[in-house]
Amino acid sequence: MTNKGAGFLPVSGFVVALAVAVAVSGCAGGEGSEDGTYPGTEPNVPPEEEYEPEEIAHIRAELGQDQEGSELFDENAVGEEPVAELWITDEGADVTSYELEVSGFAENDSYLATVHVDACGSGPEASGDLYEGEEDTEEAPEGELEEGSVMIRTGTDADGSGRGQIQLDDEPDGEDLGSLLISTDPTAGSEEPAPQDGEPVACLDLDL
């Protein structure tokens, strides 16, 4: 007895039809679906991993306390118990962040901190030349200042505390960073700082 009107496929034909259906379904779920394999992204494209910032160095100096690795050049430019702290952080994508925090400095004043290639000495000239990174920054326009110079502007409040930060497209070599020289900033508010115009206040060694 035959079943011509029942519409049954032979076993081999049924297997082929099932395989085609599964293949089509898989394509729809992976490439044709809005969610795809990784919801919220292009189909089958894994999301980029977020980079966790990594601290390169944290330097803290109690200025005027004969602390090794720091110098106070001008006591009149600071208040009582001046402290300077610098954090250098790898932000990923070859970006380095320099963040300076000061306390015990003069009230409502402006300062400019610059990274130099040599360690602190008895005078500000001992710090040597400005450190040069690989790229320009807004704080160091090409043709005006050394390329990639680290210059952190900091303004203090009524308590003599302040914070400033700069990000640089550069991965510094610890051997290239000698010291951080903090000076007064007579050019505060201008588009471009002029480190040579300020009076040196303090210095701290950058021991990475």
N, C-alpha and C. Protein backbone atom coordinates (compact mmCIF):
# COMPACT_ATOMS: atom_id res chain seq x y z
N MET A 1 0.85 -1.19 0.00
CA MET A 1 0.00 0.00 0.00
C MET A 1 0.89 1.24 0.00
N THR A 2 0.58 2.23 -0.86
CA THR A 2 1.38 3.45 -0.95
C THR A 2 0.65 4.60 -0.33
N ASN A 3 1.41 5.69 -0.03
CA ASN A 3 0.84 6.89 0.60
C ASN A 3 1.16 8.12 -0.24
N LYS A 4 0.81 8.07 -1.53
CA LYS A 4 1.14 9.17 -2.42
C LYS A 4 0.47 10.47 -2.00
N GLY A 5 -0.72 10.41 -1.44
CA GLY A 5 -1.42 11.63 -1.07
C GLY A 5 -1.04 12.16 0.29
N ALA A 6 -0.26 11.42 1.06
CA ALA A 6 0.07 11.84 2.43
C ALA A 6 1.17 12.88 2.46
N GLY A 7 2.02 12.99 1.42
CA GLY A 7 3.08 14.00 1.35
C GLY A 7 4.30 13.65 2.16
N PHE A 8 4.53 12.39 2.52
CA PHE A 8 5.73 12.00 3.27
C PHE A 8 6.94 11.97 2.37
N LEU A 9 8.12 12.43 2.88
CA LEU A 9 9.39 12.35 2.16
C LEU A 9 10.10 11.06 2.51
N PRO A 10 10.89 10.58 1.63
CA PRO A 10 11.75 9.44 2.00
C PRO A 10 12.70 9.88 3.12
N VAL A 11 13.23 8.92 3.84
CA VAL A 11 14.10 9.24 4.98
C VAL A 11 15.25 10.13 4.57
N SER A 12 15.90 9.81 3.48
CA SER A 12 17.05 10.61 3.02
C SER A 12 16.63 12.03 2.70
N GLY A 13 15.50 12.22 2.06
CA GLY A 13 15.02 13.56 1.74
C GLY A 13 14.68 14.34 2.99
N PHE A 14 14.13 13.70 3.99
CA PHE A 14 13.79 14.36 5.26
C PHE A 14 15.03 14.88 5.96
N VAL A 15 16.12 14.10 5.95
CA VAL A 15 17.36 14.50 6.60
C VAL A 15 17.95 15.73 5.92
N VAL A 16 17.94 15.76 4.59
CA VAL A 16 18.46 16.90 3.85
C VAL A 16 17.66 18.15 4.14
N ALA A 17 16.34 18.02 4.14
CA ALA A 17 15.48 19.17 4.42
C ALA A 17 15.71 19.71 5.82
N LEU A 18 15.90 18.82 6.80
CA LEU A 18 16.15 19.24 8.17
C LEU A 18 17.48 19.96 8.28
N ALA A 19 18.50 19.49 7.59
CA ALA A 19 19.83 20.12 7.63
C ALA A 19 19.78 21.53 7.06
N VAL A 20 19.05 21.69 5.93
CA VAL A 20 18.91 23.01 5.33
C VAL A 20 18.19 23.95 6.26
N ALA A 21 17.16 23.48 6.93
CA ALA A 21 16.39 24.32 7.86
C ALA A 21 17.25 24.77 9.02
N VAL A 22 18.08 23.88 9.55
CA VAL A 22 18.96 24.22 10.66
C VAL A 22 19.99 25.25 10.22
N ALA A 23 20.56 25.08 9.03
CA ALA A 23 21.56 26.02 8.52
C ALA A 23 20.98 27.40 8.34
N VAL A 24 19.78 27.49 7.78
CA VAL A 24 19.13 28.77 7.59
C VAL A 24 18.82 29.43 8.92
N SER A 25 18.38 28.64 9.88
CA SER A 25 18.07 29.17 11.22
C SER A 25 19.32 29.71 11.89
N GLY A 26 20.46 29.00 11.73
CA GLY A 26 21.71 29.45 12.34
C GLY A 26 22.18 30.76 11.76
N CYS A 27 22.03 30.93 10.44
CA CYS A 27 22.44 32.19 9.82
C CYS A 27 21.58 33.33 10.30
N ALA A 28 20.30 33.08 10.45
CA ALA A 28 19.39 34.14 10.88
C ALA A 28 19.70 34.58 12.29
N GLY A 29 20.10 33.63 13.16
CA GLY A 29 20.37 33.98 14.54
C GLY A 29 21.70 34.66 14.72
N GLY A 30 22.70 34.37 13.85
CA GLY A 30 24.03 34.93 14.03
C GLY A 30 24.26 36.21 13.26
N GLU A 31 23.83 36.24 11.98
CA GLU A 31 24.14 37.41 11.16
C GLU A 31 22.91 38.27 10.89
N GLY A 32 21.78 37.61 10.68
CA GLY A 32 20.60 38.37 10.35
C GLY A 32 19.90 38.96 11.55
N SER A 33 20.16 38.42 12.77
CA SER A 33 19.50 38.90 13.96
C SER A 33 20.10 40.21 14.42
N GLU A 34 19.27 41.09 14.96
CA GLU A 34 19.78 42.36 15.47
C GLU A 34 20.70 42.15 16.66
N ASP A 35 20.36 41.16 17.49
CA ASP A 35 21.18 40.89 18.67
C ASP A 35 22.47 40.17 18.29
N GLY A 36 22.38 39.21 17.38
CA GLY A 36 23.55 38.45 16.99
C GLY A 36 24.11 37.67 18.16
N THR A 37 25.39 37.33 18.06
CA THR A 37 26.04 36.57 19.12
C THR A 37 26.31 37.44 20.34
N TYR A 38 26.63 38.73 20.12
CA TYR A 38 26.93 39.67 21.20
C TYR A 38 25.91 40.81 21.16
N PRO A 39 24.86 40.72 21.98
CA PRO A 39 23.81 41.76 21.96
C PRO A 39 24.39 43.16 22.13
N GLY A 40 23.84 44.10 21.35
CA GLY A 40 24.28 45.48 21.45
C GLY A 40 25.45 45.83 20.58
N THR A 41 25.98 44.84 19.83
CA THR A 41 27.12 45.10 18.94
C THR A 41 26.77 44.61 17.55
N GLU A 42 27.68 44.84 16.61
CA GLU A 42 27.50 44.28 15.28
C GLU A 42 27.48 42.75 15.40
N PRO A 43 26.73 42.07 14.55
CA PRO A 43 26.64 40.60 14.64
C PRO A 43 28.00 39.94 14.68
N ASN A 44 28.17 39.06 15.64
CA ASN A 44 29.38 38.24 15.78
C ASN A 44 30.65 39.03 16.01
N VAL A 45 30.53 40.29 16.45
CA VAL A 45 31.71 41.11 16.77
C VAL A 45 31.74 41.34 18.27
N PRO A 46 32.72 40.79 18.99
CA PRO A 46 32.76 40.95 20.44
C PRO A 46 33.00 42.40 20.83
N PRO A 47 32.41 42.86 21.92
CA PRO A 47 32.62 44.25 22.37
C PRO A 47 34.05 44.46 22.82
N GLU A 48 34.55 45.71 22.66
CA GLU A 48 35.90 46.03 23.10
C GLU A 48 35.98 46.02 24.62
N GLU A 49 37.07 45.47 25.13
CA GLU A 49 37.25 45.42 26.58
C GLU A 49 37.65 46.80 27.09
N GLU A 50 37.06 47.21 28.21
CA GLU A 50 37.41 48.49 28.81
C GLU A 50 38.76 48.37 29.51
N TYR A 51 39.61 49.42 29.35
CA TYR A 51 40.94 49.40 29.93
C TYR A 51 40.90 50.02 31.32
N GLU A 52 41.43 49.31 32.28
CA GLU A 52 41.51 49.81 33.64
C GLU A 52 42.79 50.64 33.79
N PRO A 53 42.67 51.92 34.14
CA PRO A 53 43.87 52.74 34.32
C PRO A 53 44.83 52.10 35.33
N GLU A 54 46.12 52.20 35.03
CA GLU A 54 47.14 51.59 35.89
C GLU A 54 48.10 52.67 36.40
N GLU A 55 48.26 52.72 37.70
CA GLU A 55 49.14 53.72 38.29
C GLU A 55 50.60 53.39 38.00
N ILE A 56 51.30 54.37 37.43
CA ILE A 56 52.72 54.21 37.14
C ILE A 56 53.55 54.65 38.35
N ALA A 57 53.16 55.78 38.94
CA ALA A 57 53.90 56.30 40.09
C ALA A 57 53.02 57.22 40.90
N HIS A 58 53.31 57.29 42.20
CA HIS A 58 52.66 58.23 43.12
C HIS A 58 53.76 58.81 44.00
N ILE A 59 54.01 60.10 43.85
CA ILE A 59 55.08 60.77 44.60
C ILE A 59 54.45 61.81 45.52
N ARG A 60 54.83 61.77 46.78
CA ARG A 60 54.33 62.74 47.77
C ARG A 60 55.52 63.39 48.47
N ALA A 61 55.49 64.71 48.57
CA ALA A 61 56.59 65.42 49.20
C ALA A 61 56.07 66.45 50.18
N GLU A 62 56.57 66.38 51.41
CA GLU A 62 56.28 67.40 52.43
C GLU A 62 57.39 68.44 52.31
N LEU A 63 57.07 69.52 51.66
CA LEU A 63 58.08 70.52 51.30
C LEU A 63 58.55 71.30 52.53
N GLY A 64 59.83 71.64 52.53
CA GLY A 64 60.39 72.41 53.63
C GLY A 64 60.71 71.59 54.86
N GLN A 65 60.65 70.27 54.75
CA GLN A 65 60.91 69.40 55.91
C GLN A 65 62.23 68.65 55.76
N ASP A 66 63.10 69.16 54.90
CA ASP A 66 64.38 68.49 54.62
C ASP A 66 64.18 67.05 54.19
N GLN A 67 63.07 66.81 53.46
CA GLN A 67 62.78 65.48 52.97
C GLN A 67 63.65 65.19 51.75
N GLU A 68 64.29 64.03 51.74
CA GLU A 68 65.14 63.66 50.62
C GLU A 68 64.30 63.56 49.35
N GLY A 69 64.80 64.15 48.28
CA GLY A 69 64.08 64.10 47.01
C GLY A 69 63.15 65.27 46.79
N SER A 70 63.22 66.28 47.64
CA SER A 70 62.39 67.47 47.44
C SER A 70 63.14 68.71 47.91
N GLU A 71 62.76 69.85 47.33
CA GLU A 71 63.38 71.12 47.68
C GLU A 71 62.30 72.21 47.73
N LEU A 72 62.43 73.13 48.69
CA LEU A 72 61.56 74.30 48.76
C LEU A 72 62.43 75.52 48.52
N PHE A 73 62.18 76.24 47.43
CA PHE A 73 63.01 77.37 47.04
C PHE A 73 62.49 78.70 47.59
N ASP A 74 61.17 78.82 47.73
CA ASP A 74 60.58 80.10 48.13
C ASP A 74 59.51 79.87 49.20
N GLU A 75 59.86 80.11 50.45
CA GLU A 75 58.92 79.92 51.54
C GLU A 75 57.78 80.93 51.50
N ASN A 76 58.01 82.08 50.88
CA ASN A 76 56.97 83.12 50.83
C ASN A 76 55.86 82.79 49.82
N ALA A 77 56.12 81.82 48.95
CA ALA A 77 55.13 81.45 47.93
C ALA A 77 54.21 80.33 48.39
N VAL A 78 54.41 79.86 49.61
CA VAL A 78 53.56 78.79 50.15
C VAL A 78 53.08 79.18 51.54
N GLY A 79 52.15 78.40 52.05
CA GLY A 79 51.65 78.63 53.39
C GLY A 79 52.35 77.72 54.39
N GLU A 80 51.58 77.26 55.37
CA GLU A 80 52.14 76.37 56.38
C GLU A 80 52.02 74.91 55.93
N GLU A 81 53.04 74.14 56.21
CA GLU A 81 53.08 72.71 55.91
C GLU A 81 52.67 72.41 54.47
N PRO A 82 53.39 72.96 53.51
CA PRO A 82 53.05 72.69 52.11
C PRO A 82 53.35 71.24 51.70
N VAL A 83 52.42 70.67 50.95
CA VAL A 83 52.56 69.29 50.47
C VAL A 83 52.21 69.25 48.99
N ALA A 84 52.97 68.49 48.23
CA ALA A 84 52.70 68.29 46.81
C ALA A 84 52.65 66.79 46.53
N GLU A 85 51.63 66.38 45.79
CA GLU A 85 51.49 64.97 45.41
C GLU A 85 51.25 64.87 43.91
N LEU A 86 51.93 63.93 43.28
CA LEU A 86 51.79 63.72 41.84
C LEU A 86 51.45 62.26 41.57
N TRP A 87 50.41 62.06 40.76
CA TRP A 87 50.05 60.73 40.29
C TRP A 87 50.30 60.66 38.80
N ILE A 88 51.04 59.64 38.36
CA ILE A 88 51.26 59.38 36.94
C ILE A 88 50.55 58.07 36.62
N THR A 89 49.61 58.12 35.67
CA THR A 89 48.74 56.98 35.40
C THR A 89 48.72 56.63 33.92
N ASP A 90 48.81 55.34 33.65
CA ASP A 90 48.65 54.83 32.29
C ASP A 90 47.16 54.69 32.02
N GLU A 91 46.63 55.53 31.12
CA GLU A 91 45.19 55.53 30.82
C GLU A 91 44.83 54.59 29.68
N GLY A 92 45.82 53.92 29.08
CA GLY A 92 45.57 53.06 27.93
C GLY A 92 45.69 53.84 26.63
N ALA A 93 45.79 53.10 25.51
CA ALA A 93 45.91 53.71 24.18
C ALA A 93 47.07 54.71 24.12
N ASP A 94 48.18 54.38 24.80
CA ASP A 94 49.39 55.21 24.82
C ASP A 94 49.16 56.60 25.42
N VAL A 95 48.16 56.74 26.28
CA VAL A 95 47.87 58.01 26.93
C VAL A 95 48.32 57.94 28.39
N THR A 96 49.07 58.96 28.83
CA THR A 96 49.54 59.04 30.21
C THR A 96 48.96 60.28 30.87
N SER A 97 48.45 60.10 32.08
CA SER A 97 47.86 61.21 32.83
C SER A 97 48.81 61.63 33.94
N TYR A 98 48.95 62.96 34.09
CA TYR A 98 49.74 63.53 35.18
C TYR A 98 48.79 64.40 36.01
N GLU A 99 48.61 64.05 37.27
CA GLU A 99 47.69 64.79 38.14
C GLU A 99 48.44 65.29 39.37
N LEU A 100 48.39 66.60 39.59
CA LEU A 100 49.08 67.22 40.71
C LEU A 100 48.06 67.75 41.72
N GLU A 101 48.33 67.48 42.99
CA GLU A 101 47.49 68.02 44.06
C GLU A 101 48.40 68.70 45.08
N VAL A 102 48.07 69.92 45.46
CA VAL A 102 48.87 70.65 46.44
C VAL A 102 47.98 71.09 47.60
N SER A 103 48.60 71.24 48.75
CA SER A 103 47.92 71.78 49.93
C SER A 103 48.95 72.56 50.74
N GLY A 104 48.47 73.53 51.53
CA GLY A 104 49.39 74.35 52.30
C GLY A 104 50.15 75.35 51.45
N PHE A 105 49.63 75.66 50.26
CA PHE A 105 50.26 76.67 49.40
C PHE A 105 49.58 78.02 49.64
N ALA A 106 50.04 79.04 48.95
CA ALA A 106 49.45 80.36 49.11
C ALA A 106 47.98 80.34 48.67
N GLU A 107 47.17 81.16 49.32
CA GLU A 107 45.74 81.17 49.03
C GLU A 107 45.45 81.87 47.70
N ASN A 108 44.49 81.31 46.97
CA ASN A 108 44.00 81.94 45.73
C ASN A 108 45.13 82.38 44.80
N ASP A 109 46.03 81.47 44.57
CA ASP A 109 47.18 81.78 43.72
C ASP A 109 47.25 80.76 42.58
N SER A 110 48.13 81.04 41.62
CA SER A 110 48.27 80.16 40.45
C SER A 110 49.69 79.63 40.35
N TYR A 111 49.79 78.34 40.00
CA TYR A 111 51.10 77.69 39.90
C TYR A 111 51.17 76.91 38.59
N LEU A 112 52.40 76.71 38.13
CA LEU A 112 52.66 75.92 36.93
C LEU A 112 53.73 74.88 37.28
N ALA A 113 53.39 73.61 37.09
CA ALA A 113 54.33 72.53 37.38
C ALA A 113 54.82 71.93 36.06
N THR A 114 56.13 71.80 35.91
CA THR A 114 56.72 71.29 34.68
C THR A 114 57.65 70.12 34.99
N VAL A 115 57.64 69.12 34.12
CA VAL A 115 58.51 67.95 34.28
C VAL A 115 59.83 68.21 33.57
N HIS A 116 60.93 67.91 34.27
CA HIS A 116 62.27 68.13 33.74
C HIS A 116 63.05 66.81 33.72
N VAL A 117 64.17 66.82 33.02
CA VAL A 117 64.90 65.58 32.78
C VAL A 117 65.87 65.21 33.89
N ASP A 118 66.24 66.17 34.75
CA ASP A 118 67.20 65.88 35.81
C ASP A 118 66.54 65.98 37.18
N ALA A 119 67.21 65.43 38.18
CA ALA A 119 66.69 65.43 39.55
C ALA A 119 66.80 66.82 40.17
N CYS A 120 66.09 67.00 41.28
CA CYS A 120 66.14 68.28 42.00
C CYS A 120 67.54 68.52 42.55
N GLY A 121 67.85 69.80 42.73
CA GLY A 121 69.12 70.19 43.32
C GLY A 121 68.92 71.37 44.23
N SER A 122 70.00 71.99 44.65
CA SER A 122 69.92 73.12 45.56
C SER A 122 69.29 74.35 44.90
N GLY A 123 69.28 74.37 43.56
CA GLY A 123 68.65 75.46 42.82
C GLY A 123 67.81 74.90 41.70
N PRO A 124 66.86 75.68 41.19
CA PRO A 124 65.96 75.17 40.14
C PRO A 124 66.67 74.81 38.84
N GLU A 125 67.82 75.43 38.59
CA GLU A 125 68.54 75.13 37.35
C GLU A 125 69.04 73.69 37.31
N ALA A 126 69.14 73.06 38.48
CA ALA A 126 69.64 71.69 38.53
C ALA A 126 68.70 70.70 37.85
N SER A 127 67.42 71.07 37.72
CA SER A 127 66.44 70.17 37.11
C SER A 127 66.63 70.02 35.61
N GLY A 128 67.43 70.88 35.01
CA GLY A 128 67.75 70.73 33.59
C GLY A 128 66.63 71.13 32.66
N ASP A 129 66.65 70.56 31.46
CA ASP A 129 65.70 70.91 30.41
C ASP A 129 64.32 70.33 30.67
N LEU A 130 63.35 70.90 29.97
CA LEU A 130 62.00 70.35 30.01
C LEU A 130 61.99 68.96 29.40
N TYR A 131 61.19 68.08 29.98
CA TYR A 131 60.99 66.75 29.39
C TYR A 131 60.21 66.89 28.09
N GLU A 132 60.63 66.15 27.06
CA GLU A 132 59.93 66.15 25.78
C GLU A 132 59.27 64.80 25.54
N GLY A 133 57.95 64.82 25.33
CA GLY A 133 57.25 63.60 24.95
C GLY A 133 57.28 63.42 23.45
N GLU A 134 56.49 62.46 22.96
CA GLU A 134 56.49 62.17 21.53
C GLU A 134 55.48 62.99 20.76
N GLU A 135 54.46 63.52 21.46
CA GLU A 135 53.40 64.25 20.77
C GLU A 135 53.20 65.62 21.39
N ASP A 136 52.55 66.52 20.63
CA ASP A 136 52.20 67.84 21.16
C ASP A 136 51.00 67.73 22.07
N THR A 137 50.82 68.71 22.92
CA THR A 137 49.61 68.83 23.72
C THR A 137 49.11 70.26 23.57
N GLU A 138 47.87 70.49 24.00
CA GLU A 138 47.34 71.84 23.93
C GLU A 138 48.17 72.79 24.78
N GLU A 139 48.74 72.25 25.87
CA GLU A 139 49.53 73.09 26.76
C GLU A 139 50.92 73.37 26.19
N ALA A 140 51.31 72.65 25.15
CA ALA A 140 52.62 72.87 24.54
C ALA A 140 52.47 72.87 23.02
N PRO A 141 51.95 73.94 22.45
CA PRO A 141 51.72 74.00 21.00
C PRO A 141 53.02 73.87 20.22
N GLU A 142 52.92 73.24 19.05
CA GLU A 142 54.10 73.04 18.21
C GLU A 142 54.67 74.39 17.78
N GLY A 143 55.98 74.50 17.85
CA GLY A 143 56.64 75.71 17.40
C GLY A 143 56.81 76.75 18.51
N GLU A 144 56.11 76.59 19.61
CA GLU A 144 56.20 77.55 20.70
C GLU A 144 56.97 76.98 21.89
N LEU A 145 56.67 75.76 22.25
CA LEU A 145 57.35 75.10 23.36
C LEU A 145 57.80 73.73 22.91
N GLU A 146 58.59 73.09 23.74
CA GLU A 146 59.07 71.76 23.40
C GLU A 146 57.89 70.81 23.19
N GLU A 147 57.98 69.95 22.17
CA GLU A 147 56.90 69.04 21.87
C GLU A 147 56.64 68.09 23.05
N GLY A 148 55.38 67.97 23.44
CA GLY A 148 55.01 67.02 24.47
C GLY A 148 55.44 67.39 25.86
N SER A 149 55.79 68.63 26.11
CA SER A 149 56.20 69.04 27.45
C SER A 149 55.04 68.87 28.43
N VAL A 150 55.35 68.39 29.62
CA VAL A 150 54.32 68.19 30.65
C VAL A 150 54.23 69.47 31.48
N MET A 151 53.10 70.17 31.34
CA MET A 151 52.89 71.42 32.07
C MET A 151 51.51 71.37 32.73
N ILE A 152 51.50 71.38 34.04
CA ILE A 152 50.26 71.25 34.80
C ILE A 152 49.94 72.57 35.48
N ARG A 153 48.84 73.17 35.10
CA ARG A 153 48.40 74.41 35.74
C ARG A 153 47.52 74.07 36.94
N THR A 154 47.81 74.75 38.05
CA THR A 154 47.07 74.50 39.28
C THR A 154 46.71 75.83 39.94
N GLY A 155 45.47 76.01 40.28
CA GLY A 155 45.03 77.18 41.02
C GLY A 155 44.58 76.77 42.41
N THR A 156 44.95 77.54 43.41
CA THR A 156 44.59 77.19 44.78
C THR A 156 43.34 77.96 45.22
N ASP A 157 42.66 77.39 46.22
CA ASP A 157 41.47 78.03 46.77
C ASP A 157 41.83 78.81 48.03
N ALA A 158 40.81 79.18 48.80
CA ALA A 158 41.04 79.98 50.00
C ALA A 158 41.80 79.21 51.08
N ASP A 159 41.87 77.89 50.95
CA ASP A 159 42.62 77.07 51.91
C ASP A 159 44.03 76.75 51.43
N GLY A 160 44.38 77.26 50.25
CA GLY A 160 45.71 76.98 49.72
C GLY A 160 45.83 75.60 49.10
N SER A 161 44.68 75.01 48.73
CA SER A 161 44.68 73.68 48.10
C SER A 161 44.27 73.79 46.64
N GLY A 162 44.80 72.92 45.82
CA GLY A 162 44.46 72.95 44.40
C GLY A 162 44.82 71.65 43.73
N ARG A 163 44.26 71.48 42.53
CA ARG A 163 44.50 70.26 41.77
C ARG A 163 44.54 70.61 40.28
N GLY A 164 45.45 69.97 39.56
CA GLY A 164 45.54 70.17 38.12
C GLY A 164 45.92 68.86 37.45
N GLN A 165 45.57 68.75 36.16
CA GLN A 165 45.82 67.50 35.44
C GLN A 165 46.08 67.77 33.97
N ILE A 166 46.89 66.91 33.37
CA ILE A 166 47.13 66.94 31.93
C ILE A 166 47.26 65.50 31.45
N GLN A 167 46.77 65.25 30.23
CA GLN A 167 46.94 63.94 29.60
C GLN A 167 47.82 64.12 28.37
N LEU A 168 48.75 63.19 28.21
CA LEU A 168 49.76 63.29 27.15
C LEU A 168 49.76 62.01 26.33
N ASP A 169 49.79 62.14 25.01
CA ASP A 169 49.88 60.97 24.13
C ASP A 169 51.32 60.48 24.11
N ASP A 170 51.68 59.80 25.16
CA ASP A 170 53.08 59.41 25.31
C ASP A 170 53.18 58.36 26.41
N GLU A 171 54.08 57.41 26.24
CA GLU A 171 54.40 56.44 27.28
C GLU A 171 55.79 56.76 27.80
N PRO A 172 55.89 57.44 28.93
CA PRO A 172 57.19 57.92 29.40
C PRO A 172 58.09 56.79 29.89
N ASP A 173 59.35 56.98 29.67
CA ASP A 173 60.37 56.08 30.21
C ASP A 173 60.83 56.69 31.53
N GLY A 174 60.83 55.90 32.60
CA GLY A 174 61.21 56.41 33.90
C GLY A 174 62.57 57.08 33.91
N GLU A 175 63.46 56.64 33.03
CA GLU A 175 64.80 57.22 32.98
C GLU A 175 64.79 58.62 32.38
N ASP A 176 63.70 58.97 31.69
CA ASP A 176 63.63 60.28 31.05
C ASP A 176 63.01 61.35 31.96
N LEU A 177 62.36 60.92 33.03
CA LEU A 177 61.70 61.86 33.94
C LEU A 177 62.57 62.06 35.17
N GLY A 178 63.00 63.31 35.40
CA GLY A 178 63.89 63.57 36.53
C GLY A 178 63.19 64.21 37.71
N SER A 179 62.42 65.28 37.46
CA SER A 179 61.83 66.02 38.57
C SER A 179 60.63 66.82 38.10
N LEU A 180 59.84 67.25 39.07
CA LEU A 180 58.71 68.14 38.82
C LEU A 180 59.02 69.47 39.50
N LEU A 181 59.11 70.52 38.69
CA LEU A 181 59.43 71.85 39.19
C LEU A 181 58.15 72.68 39.26
N ILE A 182 57.82 73.18 40.44
CA ILE A 182 56.61 73.98 40.64
C ILE A 182 57.01 75.44 40.75
N SER A 183 56.39 76.28 39.91
CA SER A 183 56.68 77.71 39.90
C SER A 183 55.38 78.51 39.99
N THR A 184 55.51 79.79 40.29
CA THR A 184 54.34 80.66 40.20
C THR A 184 53.97 80.79 38.72
N ASP A 185 52.72 81.13 38.45
CA ASP A 185 52.26 81.19 37.07
C ASP A 185 51.68 82.57 36.75
N PRO A 186 52.53 83.51 36.35
CA PRO A 186 52.04 84.86 36.03
C PRO A 186 51.21 84.88 34.75
N THR A 187 51.27 83.79 33.96
CA THR A 187 50.51 83.75 32.71
C THR A 187 49.19 82.99 32.87
N ALA A 188 48.74 82.79 34.12
CA ALA A 188 47.49 82.07 34.36
C ALA A 188 46.35 82.75 33.61
N GLY A 189 45.55 81.94 32.92
CA GLY A 189 44.44 82.47 32.15
C GLY A 189 44.76 82.65 30.68
N SER A 190 46.03 82.63 30.34
CA SER A 190 46.41 82.75 28.93
C SER A 190 46.33 81.37 28.28
N GLU A 191 46.32 81.36 26.94
CA GLU A 191 46.21 80.10 26.21
C GLU A 191 47.47 79.26 26.35
N GLU A 192 48.60 79.91 26.48
CA GLU A 192 49.87 79.18 26.52
C GLU A 192 50.69 79.59 27.73
N PRO A 193 51.07 78.63 28.56
CA PRO A 193 51.90 78.96 29.72
C PRO A 193 53.31 79.34 29.32
N ALA A 194 53.96 80.09 30.19
CA ALA A 194 55.35 80.50 29.94
C ALA A 194 56.16 80.15 31.18
N PRO A 195 56.70 78.93 31.23
CA PRO A 195 57.40 78.49 32.45
C PRO A 195 58.60 79.34 32.82
N GLN A 196 59.21 79.98 31.83
CA GLN A 196 60.39 80.79 32.12
C GLN A 196 60.03 82.09 32.83
N ASP A 197 58.74 82.46 32.84
CA ASP A 197 58.33 83.72 33.46
C ASP A 197 58.00 83.57 34.95
N GLY A 198 57.81 82.36 35.42
CA GLY A 198 57.44 82.15 36.81
C GLY A 198 58.63 82.08 37.74
N GLU A 199 58.36 82.29 39.02
CA GLU A 199 59.40 82.18 40.03
C GLU A 199 59.37 80.77 40.64
N PRO A 200 60.50 80.07 40.64
CA PRO A 200 60.53 78.69 41.17
C PRO A 200 60.10 78.65 42.65
N VAL A 201 59.28 77.71 42.96
CA VAL A 201 58.76 77.57 44.34
C VAL A 201 59.30 76.29 45.00
N ALA A 202 59.16 75.15 44.32
CA ALA A 202 59.54 73.89 44.93
C ALA A 202 59.86 72.87 43.85
N CYS A 203 60.44 71.76 44.26
CA CYS A 203 60.81 70.70 43.35
C CYS A 203 60.68 69.35 44.05
N LEU A 204 60.24 68.33 43.29
CA LEU A 204 60.24 66.98 43.85
C LEU A 204 60.74 66.01 42.81
N ASP A 205 61.56 65.04 43.24
CA ASP A 205 62.12 64.05 42.32
C ASP A 205 61.03 63.08 41.87
N LEU A 206 61.14 62.64 40.62
CA LEU A 206 60.22 61.66 40.05
C LEU A 206 60.94 60.33 39.99
N ASP A 207 60.73 59.51 40.99
CA ASP A 207 61.38 58.22 41.09
C ASP A 207 60.39 57.15 40.63
N LEU A 208 60.44 56.80 39.34
CA LEU A 208 59.51 55.83 38.79
C LEU A 208 60.06 54.42 38.92
